[in-house]
Amino acid sequence: MSLFEARKVTKRFGGLTAVNAVDFNVQQGEIVGLIGPNGAGKTTFFNVISGFMKPDEGDVRFLGDSIVGHKPSDICKRGMTRTFQIVKPFPEMTVTDNILVGAFNHHRDAATANKKAREVMELVGLGAQAEKLGRELTVAGRKRVELAKALATEPKLMLLDEVMAGLTPSEVTGMIEVLGRVREAGVTMVIVEHVMQVIMNLSDRIYVLHHGEAIAEGSPKSITSDPRVMEAYLGESFVAEPGGEHAS
């Protein structure tokens, strides 16, 4: 049984079909990449599978059960959470208190929640910034807080929406190291990303969306040599460089 599975997921907005009959599955322990050119339907698909939108057709299953129609908060309590591309930590709260928001998902006891927050801060490299306010953080710091908040909910599956966006090449390298530690901690991940260094270094498998359809799925090596993928990316830089310019 797959940890997560989307079956023929379709989402329409009026006459526009943003996601068309997409099949997608994730096995326990995998890192699965999701890529595609601008307008491919990646964000809409992420919103559907995380419960922020309801599919018009198809099913979304987590741990063997359908989660269609469930609230994102309920899905989070079941063990699936997501990050957002635009990160907005609570500006007047410390890093610790920001992360506690996630920790209270499972722990109502303050001491236990604080312990979880501290563990997560160390995992993502924020220990030295525990008392900094959200508004004082750099882009890289805010990205790590977003990741830490999600991790503090103790997910089995985490959906990451462009955690590298806006980072410098050295910050991208640092975030790759963080995600490697997250994987070692036993968290399965799905990553939407345009920094190909990230996708190639971290993913076991990659799905490619184009015009709302999944046109390819396979290992990083097979994906980069697939003629359908090359055609979808025609005219775009598809080089594995940190911080390269790629359409979203």
C-alpha atoms as a PDB file:
ATOM      1  CA  MET A   1       0.000   0.000   0.000  1.00  0.00           C
ATOM      2  CA  SER A   2       1.244   3.457  -0.913  1.00  0.00           C
ATOM      3  CA  LEU A   3       1.634   5.999   1.860  1.00  0.00           C
ATOM      4  CA  PHE A   4      -0.100   8.512  -0.399  1.00  0.00           C
ATOM      5  CA  GLU A   5      -1.989   8.151  -3.657  1.00  0.00           C
ATOM      6  CA  ALA A   6      -3.858  10.489  -6.000  1.00  0.00           C
ATOM      7  CA  ARG A   7      -6.149   8.732  -8.454  1.00  0.00           C
ATOM      8  CA  LYS A   8      -7.301  10.517 -11.617  1.00  0.00           C
ATOM      9  CA  VAL A   9      -7.386  13.863  -9.802  1.00  0.00           C
ATOM     10  CA  THR A  10      -9.041  16.584 -11.861  1.00  0.00           C
ATOM     11  CA  LYS A  11      -9.635  20.230 -10.979  1.00  0.00           C
ATOM     12  CA  ARG A  12     -11.446  22.765 -13.163  1.00  0.00           C
ATOM     13  CA  PHE A  13     -11.950  26.508 -12.922  1.00  0.00           C
ATOM     14  CA  GLY A  14     -14.878  27.320 -15.214  1.00  0.00           C
ATOM     15  CA  GLY A  15     -13.845  26.147 -18.664  1.00  0.00           C
ATOM     16  CA  LEU A  16     -10.195  25.710 -17.686  1.00  0.00           C
ATOM     17  CA  THR A  17      -8.974  22.288 -16.644  1.00  0.00           C
ATOM     18  CA  ALA A  18      -6.000  23.089 -14.396  1.00  0.00           C
ATOM     19  CA  VAL A  19      -5.312  19.470 -13.406  1.00  0.00           C
ATOM     20  CA  ASN A  20      -6.456  16.636 -15.656  1.00  0.00           C
ATOM     21  CA  ALA A  21      -6.774  13.026 -14.416  1.00  0.00           C
ATOM     22  CA  VAL A  22      -3.406  12.971 -12.610  1.00  0.00           C
ATOM     23  CA  ASP A  23      -2.226   9.739 -10.991  1.00  0.00           C
ATOM     24  CA  PHE A  24       0.469  10.193  -8.348  1.00  0.00           C
ATOM     25  CA  ASN A  25       1.797   7.960  -5.599  1.00  0.00           C
ATOM     26  CA  VAL A  26       4.370   8.154  -2.825  1.00  0.00           C
ATOM     27  CA  GLN A  27       5.905   5.242  -0.936  1.00  0.00           C
ATOM     28  CA  GLN A  28       7.075   5.394   2.663  1.00  0.00           C
ATOM     29  CA  GLY A  29      10.592   6.864   2.921  1.00  0.00           C
ATOM     30  CA  GLU A  30      10.695   8.359  -0.588  1.00  0.00           C
ATOM     31  CA  ILE A  31      11.429  11.871  -1.723  1.00  0.00           C
ATOM     32  CA  VAL A  32       9.299  12.565  -4.795  1.00  0.00           C
ATOM     33  CA  GLY A  33       9.873  15.643  -6.940  1.00  0.00           C
ATOM     34  CA  LEU A  34       7.137  17.497  -8.835  1.00  0.00           C
ATOM     35  CA  ILE A  35       8.269  19.764 -11.664  1.00  0.00           C
ATOM     36  CA  GLY A  36       6.796  21.476 -14.700  1.00  0.00           C
ATOM     37  CA  PRO A  37       6.882  24.742 -16.636  1.00  0.00           C
ATOM     38  CA  ASN A  38       4.865  27.843 -15.779  1.00  0.00           C
ATOM     39  CA  GLY A  39       1.131  27.145 -15.690  1.00  0.00           C
ATOM     40  CA  ALA A  40       1.600  23.380 -15.519  1.00  0.00           C
ATOM     41  CA  GLY A  41      -0.841  22.998 -12.623  1.00  0.00           C
ATOM     42  CA  LYS A  42       1.645  22.209  -9.852  1.00  0.00           C
ATOM     43  CA  THR A  43       0.275  24.651  -7.284  1.00  0.00           C
ATOM     44  CA  THR A  44      -3.323  23.667  -7.989  1.00  0.00           C
ATOM     45  CA  PHE A  45      -2.417  19.992  -7.641  1.00  0.00           C
ATOM     46  CA  PHE A  46      -0.652  20.719  -4.336  1.00  0.00           C
ATOM     47  CA  ASN A  47      -3.690  22.625  -3.091  1.00  0.00           C
ATOM     48  CA  VAL A  48      -5.982  19.729  -3.990  1.00  0.00           C
ATOM     49  CA  ILE A  49      -3.919  16.945  -2.441  1.00  0.00           C
ATOM     50  CA  SER A  50      -3.358  18.929   0.783  1.00  0.00           C
ATOM     51  CA  GLY A  51      -7.070  19.625   1.271  1.00  0.00           C
ATOM     52  CA  PHE A  52      -7.112  23.345   0.465  1.00  0.00           C
ATOM     53  CA  MET A  53      -9.198  22.606  -2.646  1.00  0.00           C
ATOM     54  CA  LYS A  54     -11.600  19.794  -3.410  1.00  0.00           C
ATOM     55  CA  PRO A  55     -11.067  17.859  -6.670  1.00  0.00           C
ATOM     56  CA  ASP A  56     -13.888  17.876  -9.214  1.00  0.00           C
ATOM     57  CA  GLU A  57     -13.078  14.268 -10.021  1.00  0.00           C
ATOM     58  CA  GLY A  58     -10.803  11.573  -8.636  1.00  0.00           C
ATOM     59  CA  ASP A  59      -9.680  10.553  -5.184  1.00  0.00           C
ATOM     60  CA  VAL A  60      -6.848  11.439  -2.789  1.00  0.00           C
ATOM     61  CA  ARG A  61      -5.815   8.758  -0.294  1.00  0.00           C
ATOM     62  CA  PHE A  62      -3.469   8.949   2.660  1.00  0.00           C
ATOM     63  CA  LEU A  63      -2.619   5.915   4.795  1.00  0.00           C
ATOM     64  CA  GLY A  64      -5.187   3.961   2.806  1.00  0.00           C
ATOM     65  CA  ASP A  65      -8.144   6.284   3.447  1.00  0.00           C
ATOM     66  CA  SER A  66      -9.709   8.977   1.275  1.00  0.00           C
ATOM     67  CA  ILE A  67      -9.080  12.497   2.561  1.00  0.00           C
ATOM     68  CA  VAL A  68     -11.242  14.287  -0.015  1.00  0.00           C
ATOM     69  CA  GLY A  69     -13.422  16.840   1.756  1.00  0.00           C
ATOM     70  CA  HIS A  70     -11.376  16.734   4.956  1.00  0.00           C
ATOM     71  CA  LYS A  71     -10.144  20.007   6.432  1.00  0.00           C
ATOM     72  CA  PRO A  72      -6.401  20.733   6.099  1.00  0.00           C
ATOM     73  CA  SER A  73      -6.185  20.846   9.909  1.00  0.00           C
ATOM     74  CA  ASP A  74      -7.657  17.338  10.155  1.00  0.00           C
ATOM     75  CA  ILE A  75      -5.316  16.079   7.433  1.00  0.00           C
ATOM     76  CA  CYS A  76      -2.416  17.570   9.389  1.00  0.00           C
ATOM     77  CA  LYS A  77      -3.476  15.706  12.519  1.00  0.00           C
ATOM     78  CA  ARG A  78      -3.491  12.479  10.493  1.00  0.00           C
ATOM     79  CA  GLY A  79       0.154  13.091   9.609  1.00  0.00           C
ATOM     80  CA  MET A  80       0.336  15.038   6.342  1.00  0.00           C
ATOM     81  CA  THR A  81       1.386  18.680   6.284  1.00  0.00           C
ATOM     82  CA  ARG A  82       2.678  21.244   3.810  1.00  0.00           C
ATOM     83  CA  THR A  83       4.754  24.386   3.550  1.00  0.00           C
ATOM     84  CA  PHE A  84       3.957  27.446   1.446  1.00  0.00           C
ATOM     85  CA  GLN A  85       6.088  29.227  -1.130  1.00  0.00           C
ATOM     86  CA  ILE A  86       5.394  32.640   0.429  1.00  0.00           C
ATOM     87  CA  VAL A  87       6.510  32.302   4.030  1.00  0.00           C
ATOM     88  CA  LYS A  88       5.028  34.557   6.694  1.00  0.00           C
ATOM     89  CA  PRO A  89       6.255  33.826  10.222  1.00  0.00           C
ATOM     90  CA  PHE A  90       4.429  35.626  13.002  1.00  0.00           C
ATOM     91  CA  PRO A  91       6.554  38.813  13.033  1.00  0.00           C
ATOM     92  CA  GLU A  92       6.322  39.674  16.731  1.00  0.00           C
ATOM     93  CA  MET A  93       6.817  36.100  17.963  1.00  0.00           C
ATOM     94  CA  THR A  94      10.170  34.433  18.552  1.00  0.00           C
ATOM     95  CA  VAL A  95      11.427  31.574  16.411  1.00  0.00           C
ATOM     96  CA  THR A  96      10.619  29.221  19.283  1.00  0.00           C
ATOM     97  CA  ASP A  97       7.052  30.463  19.609  1.00  0.00           C
ATOM     98  CA  ASN A  98       6.522  30.290  15.830  1.00  0.00           C
ATOM     99  CA  ILE A  99       7.531  26.641  15.878  1.00  0.00           C
ATOM    100  CA  LEU A 100       5.406  25.949  18.952  1.00  0.00           C
ATOM    101  CA  VAL A 101       2.367  26.719  16.792  1.00  0.00           C
ATOM    102  CA  GLY A 102       3.141  23.504  14.920  1.00  0.00           C
ATOM    103  CA  ALA A 103       4.149  21.540  18.007  1.00  0.00           C
ATOM    104  CA  PHE A 104       0.783  22.155  19.662  1.00  0.00           C
ATOM    105  CA  ASN A 105      -0.801  20.138  16.834  1.00  0.00           C
ATOM    106  CA  HIS A 106      -0.073  16.992  18.846  1.00  0.00           C
ATOM    107  CA  HIS A 107       1.081  18.255  22.239  1.00  0.00           C
ATOM    108  CA  ARG A 108      -1.185  20.285  24.501  1.00  0.00           C
ATOM    109  CA  ASP A 109       1.307  20.107  27.354  1.00  0.00           C
ATOM    110  CA  ALA A 110       3.593  23.161  27.128  1.00  0.00           C
ATOM    111  CA  ALA A 111       6.713  21.356  28.361  1.00  0.00           C
ATOM    112  CA  THR A 112       6.331  18.563  25.795  1.00  0.00           C
ATOM    113  CA  ALA A 113       5.588  21.019  22.999  1.00  0.00           C
ATOM    114  CA  ASN A 114       8.668  23.077  23.943  1.00  0.00           C
ATOM    115  CA  LYS A 115      10.813  19.960  23.844  1.00  0.00           C
ATOM    116  CA  LYS A 116       9.541  19.137  20.354  1.00  0.00           C
ATOM    117  CA  ALA A 117      10.143  22.713  19.187  1.00  0.00           C
ATOM    118  CA  ARG A 118      13.739  22.593  20.461  1.00  0.00           C
ATOM    119  CA  GLU A 119      14.379  19.269  18.718  1.00  0.00           C
ATOM    120  CA  VAL A 120      13.075  20.617  15.427  1.00  0.00           C
ATOM    121  CA  MET A 121      15.058  23.861  15.728  1.00  0.00           C
ATOM    122  CA  GLU A 122      18.278  21.885  16.088  1.00  0.00           C
ATOM    123  CA  LEU A 123      17.358  19.652  13.150  1.00  0.00           C
ATOM    124  CA  VAL A 124      16.903  22.599  10.781  1.00  0.00           C
ATOM    125  CA  GLY A 125      19.807  24.640  12.169  1.00  0.00           C
ATOM    126  CA  LEU A 126      17.861  27.353  13.996  1.00  0.00           C
ATOM    127  CA  GLY A 127      19.068  26.667  17.542  1.00  0.00           C
ATOM    128  CA  ALA A 128      21.160  29.834  17.698  1.00  0.00           C
ATOM    129  CA  GLN A 129      18.203  31.982  16.570  1.00  0.00           C
ATOM    130  CA  ALA A 130      15.642  30.632  19.032  1.00  0.00           C
ATOM    131  CA  GLU A 131      14.895  34.042  20.583  1.00  0.00           C
ATOM    132  CA  LYS A 132      14.938  36.080  17.368  1.00  0.00           C
ATOM    133  CA  LEU A 133      11.656  37.643  16.317  1.00  0.00           C
ATOM    134  CA  GLY A 134      10.025  36.542  13.080  1.00  0.00           C
ATOM    135  CA  ARG A 135      10.427  40.011  11.571  1.00  0.00           C
ATOM    136  CA  GLU A 136      14.187  39.931  12.175  1.00  0.00           C
ATOM    137  CA  LEU A 137      14.829  36.821  10.091  1.00  0.00           C
ATOM    138  CA  THR A 138      16.435  36.702   6.654  1.00  0.00           C
ATOM    139  CA  VAL A 139      14.654  34.962   3.769  1.00  0.00           C
ATOM    140  CA  ALA A 140      16.686  31.823   4.499  1.00  0.00           C
ATOM    141  CA  GLY A 141      15.741  32.032   8.182  1.00  0.00           C
ATOM    142  CA  ARG A 142      12.051  32.430   7.381  1.00  0.00           C
ATOM    143  CA  LYS A 143      12.229  29.415   5.068  1.00  0.00           C
ATOM    144  CA  ARG A 144      13.720  27.320   7.851  1.00  0.00           C
ATOM    145  CA  VAL A 145      11.065  28.467  10.303  1.00  0.00           C
ATOM    146  CA  GLU A 146       8.369  27.461   7.790  1.00  0.00           C
ATOM    147  CA  LEU A 147       9.998  24.054   7.477  1.00  0.00           C
ATOM    148  CA  ALA A 148      10.379  23.741  11.246  1.00  0.00           C
ATOM    149  CA  LYS A 149       6.722  24.604  11.891  1.00  0.00           C
ATOM    150  CA  ALA A 150       5.688  21.840   9.503  1.00  0.00           C
ATOM    151  CA  LEU A 151       8.100  19.358  11.086  1.00  0.00           C
ATOM    152  CA  ALA A 152       6.855  20.215  14.569  1.00  0.00           C
ATOM    153  CA  THR A 153       3.449  18.771  13.619  1.00  0.00           C
ATOM    154  CA  GLU A 154       5.241  15.384  13.459  1.00  0.00           C
ATOM    155  CA  PRO A 155       4.277  14.514   9.879  1.00  0.00           C
ATOM    156  CA  LYS A 156       4.595  11.168   8.165  1.00  0.00           C
ATOM    157  CA  LEU A 157       4.396  13.011   4.825  1.00  0.00           C
ATOM    158  CA  MET A 158       5.465  16.591   4.177  1.00  0.00           C
ATOM    159  CA  LEU A 159       4.639  18.561   1.020  1.00  0.00           C
ATOM    160  CA  LEU A 160       7.251  21.234   0.335  1.00  0.00           C
ATOM    161  CA  ASP A 161       6.331  24.126  -1.961  1.00  0.00           C
ATOM    162  CA  GLU A 162       9.491  25.742  -3.353  1.00  0.00           C
ATOM    163  CA  VAL A 163      11.522  25.884  -0.153  1.00  0.00           C
ATOM    164  CA  MET A 164      14.518  27.086  -2.188  1.00  0.00           C
ATOM    165  CA  ALA A 165      12.826  30.082  -3.819  1.00  0.00           C
ATOM    166  CA  GLY A 166      14.728  33.298  -3.126  1.00  0.00           C
ATOM    167  CA  LEU A 167      17.792  31.606  -1.635  1.00  0.00           C
ATOM    168  CA  THR A 168      21.403  32.194  -2.668  1.00  0.00           C
ATOM    169  CA  PRO A 169      23.449  29.266  -4.019  1.00  0.00           C
ATOM    170  CA  SER A 170      25.141  28.727  -0.645  1.00  0.00           C
ATOM    171  CA  GLU A 171      21.765  28.867   1.133  1.00  0.00           C
ATOM    172  CA  VAL A 172      20.405  26.299  -1.330  1.00  0.00           C
ATOM    173  CA  THR A 173      23.291  23.996  -0.453  1.00  0.00           C
ATOM    174  CA  GLY A 174      22.545  24.452   3.238  1.00  0.00           C
ATOM    175  CA  MET A 175      18.848  23.693   2.738  1.00  0.00           C
ATOM    176  CA  ILE A 176      19.683  20.508   0.800  1.00  0.00           C
ATOM    177  CA  GLU A 177      21.710  19.378   3.815  1.00  0.00           C
ATOM    178  CA  VAL A 178      18.754  20.169   6.103  1.00  0.00           C
ATOM    179  CA  LEU A 179      16.351  18.157   3.939  1.00  0.00           C
ATOM    180  CA  GLY A 180      18.798  15.275   3.990  1.00  0.00           C
ATOM    181  CA  ARG A 181      18.626  15.298   7.800  1.00  0.00           C
ATOM    182  CA  VAL A 182      14.836  15.477   7.652  1.00  0.00           C
ATOM    183  CA  ARG A 183      14.814  12.381   5.487  1.00  0.00           C
ATOM    184  CA  GLU A 184      17.136  10.584   7.899  1.00  0.00           C
ATOM    185  CA  ALA A 185      14.637  11.442  10.639  1.00  0.00           C
ATOM    186  CA  GLY A 186      12.080   9.318   8.782  1.00  0.00           C
ATOM    187  CA  VAL A 187       9.917  11.945   7.066  1.00  0.00           C
ATOM    188  CA  THR A 188       8.644  11.176   3.555  1.00  0.00           C
ATOM    189  CA  MET A 189       8.567  14.226   1.260  1.00  0.00           C
ATOM    190  CA  VAL A 190       7.035  15.573  -1.933  1.00  0.00           C
ATOM    191  CA  ILE A 191       8.908  18.584  -3.290  1.00  0.00           C
ATOM    192  CA  VAL A 192       7.722  21.166  -5.822  1.00  0.00           C
ATOM    193  CA  GLU A 193      10.906  22.860  -6.940  1.00  0.00           C
ATOM    194  CA  HIS A 194      12.574  24.660  -9.853  1.00  0.00           C
ATOM    195  CA  VAL A 195      16.146  24.529  -8.609  1.00  0.00           C
ATOM    196  CA  MET A 196      17.233  21.425 -10.482  1.00  0.00           C
ATOM    197  CA  GLN A 197      20.197  20.848  -8.159  1.00  0.00           C
ATOM    198  CA  VAL A 198      17.636  20.130  -5.444  1.00  0.00           C
ATOM    199  CA  ILE A 199      15.454  17.828  -7.509  1.00  0.00           C
ATOM    200  CA  MET A 200      18.390  15.833  -8.869  1.00  0.00           C
ATOM    201  CA  ASN A 201      20.209  15.520  -5.543  1.00  0.00           C
ATOM    202  CA  LEU A 202      17.235  14.628  -3.369  1.00  0.00           C
ATOM    203  CA  SER A 203      14.523  12.919  -5.416  1.00  0.00           C
ATOM    204  CA  ASP A 204      14.087   9.184  -5.794  1.00  0.00           C
ATOM    205  CA  ARG A 205      11.427   9.755  -8.433  1.00  0.00           C
ATOM    206  CA  ILE A 206      10.108  12.773 -10.299  1.00  0.00           C
ATOM    207  CA  TYR A 207       6.713  13.549 -11.810  1.00  0.00           C
ATOM    208  CA  VAL A 208       6.443  16.117 -14.596  1.00  0.00           C
ATOM    209  CA  LEU A 209       3.242  18.117 -15.104  1.00  0.00           C
ATOM    210  CA  HIS A 210       2.484  19.949 -18.344  1.00  0.00           C
ATOM    211  CA  HIS A 211      -0.830  21.657 -19.137  1.00  0.00           C
ATOM    212  CA  GLY A 212      -2.320  19.943 -16.105  1.00  0.00           C
ATOM    213  CA  GLU A 213      -1.337  16.429 -17.142  1.00  0.00           C
ATOM    214  CA  ALA A 214       1.365  14.118 -15.822  1.00  0.00           C
ATOM    215  CA  ILE A 215       3.520  13.550 -18.913  1.00  0.00           C
ATOM    216  CA  ALA A 216       6.401  11.637 -17.302  1.00  0.00           C
ATOM    217  CA  GLU A 217       7.416   9.823 -14.124  1.00  0.00           C
ATOM    218  CA  GLY A 218      10.694   8.139 -13.243  1.00  0.00           C
ATOM    219  CA  SER A 219      14.180   8.524 -11.833  1.00  0.00           C
ATOM    220  CA  PRO A 220      15.990  11.867 -12.157  1.00  0.00           C
ATOM    221  CA  LYS A 221      18.217  10.406 -14.871  1.00  0.00           C
ATOM    222  CA  SER A 222      15.331   9.081 -16.934  1.00  0.00           C
ATOM    223  CA  ILE A 223      13.363  12.312 -16.585  1.00  0.00           C
ATOM    224  CA  THR A 224      16.153  14.545 -17.870  1.00  0.00           C
ATOM    225  CA  SER A 225      16.544  12.371 -20.976  1.00  0.00           C
ATOM    226  CA  ASP A 226      12.819  12.024 -21.703  1.00  0.00           C
ATOM    227  CA  PRO A 227      11.938  13.760 -25.013  1.00  0.00           C
ATOM    228  CA  ARG A 228       8.470  14.707 -23.703  1.00  0.00           C
ATOM    229  CA  VAL A 229      10.082  16.559 -20.828  1.00  0.00           C
ATOM    230  CA  MET A 230      12.553  18.292 -23.121  1.00  0.00           C
ATOM    231  CA  GLU A 231       9.689  19.436 -25.344  1.00  0.00           C
ATOM    232  CA  ALA A 232       7.712  20.742 -22.343  1.00  0.00           C
ATOM    233  CA  TYR A 233      10.747  22.743 -21.237  1.00  0.00           C
ATOM    234  CA  LEU A 234      11.668  23.906 -24.748  1.00  0.00           C
ATOM    235  CA  GLY A 235      13.282  27.305 -24.561  1.00  0.00           C
ATOM    236  CA  GLU A 236      13.910  27.084 -20.804  1.00  0.00           C
ATOM    237  CA  SER A 237      17.134  26.522 -18.912  1.00  0.00           C
ATOM    238  CA  PHE A 238      16.971  22.986 -17.558  1.00  0.00           C
ATOM    239  CA  VAL A 239      20.456  22.865 -16.088  1.00  0.00           C
ATOM    240  CA  ALA A 240      21.123  21.560 -12.590  1.00  0.00           C
ATOM    241  CA  GLU A 241      22.481  24.762 -11.114  1.00  0.00           C
ATOM    242  CA  PRO A 242      21.681  26.234  -7.717  1.00  0.00           C
ATOM    243  CA  GLY A 243      19.767  29.457  -7.939  1.00  0.00           C
ATOM    244  CA  GLY A 244      19.227  29.165 -11.703  1.00  0.00           C
ATOM    245  CA  GLU A 245      16.308  30.948 -13.340  1.00  0.00           C
ATOM    246  CA  HIS A 246      13.389  28.605 -13.988  1.00  0.00           C
ATOM    247  CA  ALA A 247       9.780  29.473 -14.663  1.00  0.00           C
ATOM    248  CA  SER A 248       7.351  28.469 -11.950  1.00  0.00           C
END
